[in-house]
Amino acid sequence: PVRRCSRLMENCSAYLPCCDPCASCRCRLFNTICHCWRMSEQC
């Protein structure tokens, strides 16, 4: 089966969101490198 989301520290995009509801997709270098980061420890 194909995953339709990214785990923490994996690449993500608008088409491949983060699996963790407490994570967000953060991009760098003119939005070319994007990874899932946890927003809060208390989530």
PDB file of N, CA and C in Angstrom:
ATOM      1  N   PRO A   1       0.822  -1.210   0.000  1.00  0.00           N
ATOM      2  CA  PRO A   1       0.000   0.000   0.000  1.00  0.00           C
ATOM      3  C   PRO A   1       0.860   1.266   0.000  1.00  0.00           C
ATOM      4  N   VAL A   2       0.414   2.261  -0.678  1.00  0.00           N
ATOM      5  CA  VAL A   2       1.152   3.518  -0.798  1.00  0.00           C
ATOM      6  C   VAL A   2       0.706   4.480   0.295  1.00  0.00           C
ATOM      7  N   ARG A   3       1.690   5.052   0.997  1.00  0.00           N
ATOM      8  CA  ARG A   3       1.372   6.056   2.015  1.00  0.00           C
ATOM      9  C   ARG A   3       1.048   7.374   1.338  1.00  0.00           C
ATOM     10  N   ARG A   4       0.064   8.081   1.845  1.00  0.00           N
ATOM     11  CA  ARG A   4      -0.312   9.371   1.269  1.00  0.00           C
ATOM     12  C   ARG A   4       0.027  10.516   2.223  1.00  0.00           C
ATOM     13  N   CYS A   5       1.032  10.275   3.070  1.00  0.00           N
ATOM     14  CA  CYS A   5       1.488  11.318   3.984  1.00  0.00           C
ATOM     15  C   CYS A   5       2.946  11.055   4.339  1.00  0.00           C
ATOM     16  N   SER A   6       3.588  12.048   4.939  1.00  0.00           N
ATOM     17  CA  SER A   6       5.004  11.956   5.307  1.00  0.00           C
ATOM     18  C   SER A   6       5.162  11.875   6.815  1.00  0.00           C
ATOM     19  N   ARG A   7       6.137  11.106   7.249  1.00  0.00           N
ATOM     20  CA  ARG A   7       6.450  11.024   8.677  1.00  0.00           C
ATOM     21  C   ARG A   7       7.350  12.186   9.065  1.00  0.00           C
ATOM     22  N   LEU A   8       7.577  12.328  10.379  1.00  0.00           N
ATOM     23  CA  LEU A   8       8.449  13.401  10.871  1.00  0.00           C
ATOM     24  C   LEU A   8       9.824  13.305  10.232  1.00  0.00           C
ATOM     25  N   MET A   9      10.362  14.437   9.845  1.00  0.00           N
ATOM     26  CA  MET A   9      11.679  14.588   9.230  1.00  0.00           C
ATOM     27  C   MET A   9      11.752  14.049   7.802  1.00  0.00           C
ATOM     28  N   GLU A  10      10.646  13.612   7.241  1.00  0.00           N
ATOM     29  CA  GLU A  10      10.624  13.184   5.845  1.00  0.00           C
ATOM     30  C   GLU A  10      10.195  14.350   4.961  1.00  0.00           C
ATOM     31  N   ASN A  11      10.448  14.225   3.667  1.00  0.00           N
ATOM     32  CA  ASN A  11      10.031  15.253   2.716  1.00  0.00           C
ATOM     33  C   ASN A  11       8.514  15.336   2.667  1.00  0.00           C
ATOM     34  N   CYS A  12       8.007  16.543   2.488  1.00  0.00           N
ATOM     35  CA  CYS A  12       6.569  16.752   2.391  1.00  0.00           C
ATOM     36  C   CYS A  12       6.303  17.828   1.346  1.00  0.00           C
ATOM     37  N   SER A  13       5.039  17.967   0.990  1.00  0.00           N
ATOM     38  CA  SER A  13       4.636  18.987   0.025  1.00  0.00           C
ATOM     39  C   SER A  13       3.142  19.216   0.160  1.00  0.00           C
ATOM     40  N   ALA A  14       2.606  20.081  -0.669  1.00  0.00           N
ATOM     41  CA  ALA A  14       1.165  20.327  -0.645  1.00  0.00           C
ATOM     42  C   ALA A  14       0.401  19.065  -1.033  1.00  0.00           C
ATOM     43  N   TYR A  15       1.024  18.209  -1.834  1.00  0.00           N
ATOM     44  CA  TYR A  15       0.379  16.976  -2.291  1.00  0.00           C
ATOM     45  C   TYR A  15       0.659  15.799  -1.368  1.00  0.00           C
ATOM     46  N   LEU A  16       1.648  15.946  -0.492  1.00  0.00           N
ATOM     47  CA  LEU A  16       2.028  14.879   0.431  1.00  0.00           C
ATOM     48  C   LEU A  16       2.166  15.484   1.831  1.00  0.00           C
ATOM     49  N   PRO A  17       1.056  15.660   2.552  1.00  0.00           N
ATOM     50  CA  PRO A  17       1.096  16.301   3.869  1.00  0.00           C
ATOM     51  C   PRO A  17       1.730  15.402   4.930  1.00  0.00           C
ATOM     52  N   CYS A  18       1.908  15.939   6.118  1.00  0.00           N
ATOM     53  CA  CYS A  18       2.477  15.183   7.236  1.00  0.00           C
ATOM     54  C   CYS A  18       1.426  14.250   7.839  1.00  0.00           C
ATOM     55  N   CYS A  19       1.848  13.040   8.209  1.00  0.00           N
ATOM     56  CA  CYS A  19       0.942  12.065   8.827  1.00  0.00           C
ATOM     57  C   CYS A  19       0.528  12.513  10.227  1.00  0.00           C
ATOM     58  N   ASP A  20       1.475  13.059  10.981  1.00  0.00           N
ATOM     59  CA  ASP A  20       1.230  13.459  12.367  1.00  0.00           C
ATOM     60  C   ASP A  20       0.392  14.741  12.404  1.00  0.00           C
ATOM     61  N   PRO A  21      -0.762  14.731  13.059  1.00  0.00           N
ATOM     62  CA  PRO A  21      -1.581  15.948  13.125  1.00  0.00           C
ATOM     63  C   PRO A  21      -0.903  17.088  13.882  1.00  0.00           C
ATOM     64  N   CYS A  22       0.132  16.765  14.663  1.00  0.00           N
ATOM     65  CA  CYS A  22       0.864  17.792  15.413  1.00  0.00           C
ATOM     66  C   CYS A  22       2.060  18.330  14.621  1.00  0.00           C
ATOM     67  N   ALA A  23       2.245  17.867  13.416  1.00  0.00           N
ATOM     68  CA  ALA A  23       3.381  18.297  12.606  1.00  0.00           C
ATOM     69  C   ALA A  23       2.915  19.222  11.489  1.00  0.00           C
ATOM     70  N   SER A  24       3.852  20.025  11.003  1.00  0.00           N
ATOM     71  CA  SER A  24       3.550  20.882   9.863  1.00  0.00           C
ATOM     72  C   SER A  24       4.687  20.771   8.856  1.00  0.00           C
ATOM     73  N   CYS A  25       4.378  21.061   7.619  1.00  0.00           N
ATOM     74  CA  CYS A  25       5.369  21.001   6.550  1.00  0.00           C
ATOM     75  C   CYS A  25       6.089  22.346   6.491  1.00  0.00           C
ATOM     76  N   ARG A  26       7.384  22.353   6.796  1.00  0.00           N
ATOM     77  CA  ARG A  26       8.184  23.578   6.793  1.00  0.00           C
ATOM     78  C   ARG A  26       9.144  23.534   5.610  1.00  0.00           C
ATOM     79  N   CYS A  27       9.209  24.617   4.876  1.00  0.00           N
ATOM     80  CA  CYS A  27      10.049  24.674   3.677  1.00  0.00           C
ATOM     81  C   CYS A  27      11.175  25.695   3.834  1.00  0.00           C
ATOM     82  N   ARG A  28      12.309  25.416   3.153  1.00  0.00           N
ATOM     83  CA  ARG A  28      13.464  26.313   3.144  1.00  0.00           C
ATOM     84  C   ARG A  28      13.957  26.471   1.706  1.00  0.00           C
ATOM     85  N   LEU A  29      14.932  27.320   1.534  1.00  0.00           N
ATOM     86  CA  LEU A  29      15.565  27.540   0.237  1.00  0.00           C
ATOM     87  C   LEU A  29      14.543  27.765  -0.870  1.00  0.00           C
ATOM     88  N   PHE A  30      13.801  28.856  -0.745  1.00  0.00           N
ATOM     89  CA  PHE A  30      12.803  29.228  -1.754  1.00  0.00           C
ATOM     90  C   PHE A  30      11.745  28.145  -1.945  1.00  0.00           C
ATOM     91  N   ASN A  31      11.366  27.493  -0.825  1.00  0.00           N
ATOM     92  CA  ASN A  31      10.333  26.449  -0.823  1.00  0.00           C
ATOM     93  C   ASN A  31      10.690  25.235  -1.677  1.00  0.00           C
ATOM     94  N   THR A  32      11.993  24.936  -1.780  1.00  0.00           N
ATOM     95  CA  THR A  32      12.400  23.772  -2.567  1.00  0.00           C
ATOM     96  C   THR A  32      12.665  22.558  -1.689  1.00  0.00           C
ATOM     97  N   ILE A  33      13.011  22.778  -0.410  1.00  0.00           N
ATOM     98  CA  ILE A  33      13.286  21.676   0.514  1.00  0.00           C
ATOM     99  C   ILE A  33      12.283  21.754   1.650  1.00  0.00           C
ATOM    100  N   CYS A  34      11.394  20.761   1.730  1.00  0.00           N
ATOM    101  CA  CYS A  34      10.341  20.769   2.748  1.00  0.00           C
ATOM    102  C   CYS A  34      10.382  19.487   3.572  1.00  0.00           C
ATOM    103  N   HIS A  35      10.245  19.632   4.883  1.00  0.00           N
ATOM    104  CA  HIS A  35      10.239  18.493   5.799  1.00  0.00           C
ATOM    105  C   HIS A  35       9.134  18.661   6.828  1.00  0.00           C
ATOM    106  N   CYS A  36       8.674  17.542   7.379  1.00  0.00           N
ATOM    107  CA  CYS A  36       7.677  17.574   8.447  1.00  0.00           C
ATOM    108  C   CYS A  36       8.369  17.829   9.782  1.00  0.00           C
ATOM    109  N   TRP A  37       7.889  18.825  10.503  1.00  0.00           N
ATOM    110  CA  TRP A  37       8.419  19.173  11.823  1.00  0.00           C
ATOM    111  C   TRP A  37       7.286  19.165  12.831  1.00  0.00           C
ATOM    112  N   ARG A  38       7.582  18.677  14.041  1.00  0.00           N
ATOM    113  CA  ARG A  38       6.573  18.704  15.103  1.00  0.00           C
ATOM    114  C   ARG A  38       6.441  20.134  15.617  1.00  0.00           C
ATOM    115  N   MET A  39       5.207  20.608  15.726  1.00  0.00           N
ATOM    116  CA  MET A  39       4.970  21.988  16.149  1.00  0.00           C
ATOM    117  C   MET A  39       5.059  22.147  17.658  1.00  0.00           C
ATOM    118  N   SER A  40       4.625  21.143  18.411  1.00  0.00           N
ATOM    119  CA  SER A  40       4.576  21.270  19.860  1.00  0.00           C
ATOM    120  C   SER A  40       4.680  19.907  20.519  1.00  0.00           C
ATOM    121  N   GLU A  41       5.363  19.868  21.644  1.00  0.00           N
ATOM    122  CA  GLU A  41       5.505  18.612  22.393  1.00  0.00           C
ATOM    123  C   GLU A  41       4.208  18.237  23.096  1.00  0.00           C
ATOM    124  N   GLN A  42       3.347  19.214  23.359  1.00  0.00           N
ATOM    125  CA  GLN A  42       2.143  18.979  24.152  1.00  0.00           C
ATOM    126  C   GLN A  42       0.945  18.569  23.304  1.00  0.00           C
ATOM    127  N   CYS A  43       1.130  18.453  22.033  1.00  0.00           N
ATOM    128  CA  CYS A  43       0.021  18.162  21.143  1.00  0.00           C
ATOM    129  C   CYS A  43      -0.471  16.723  21.335  1.00  0.00           C
TER     130      CYS A  43
END
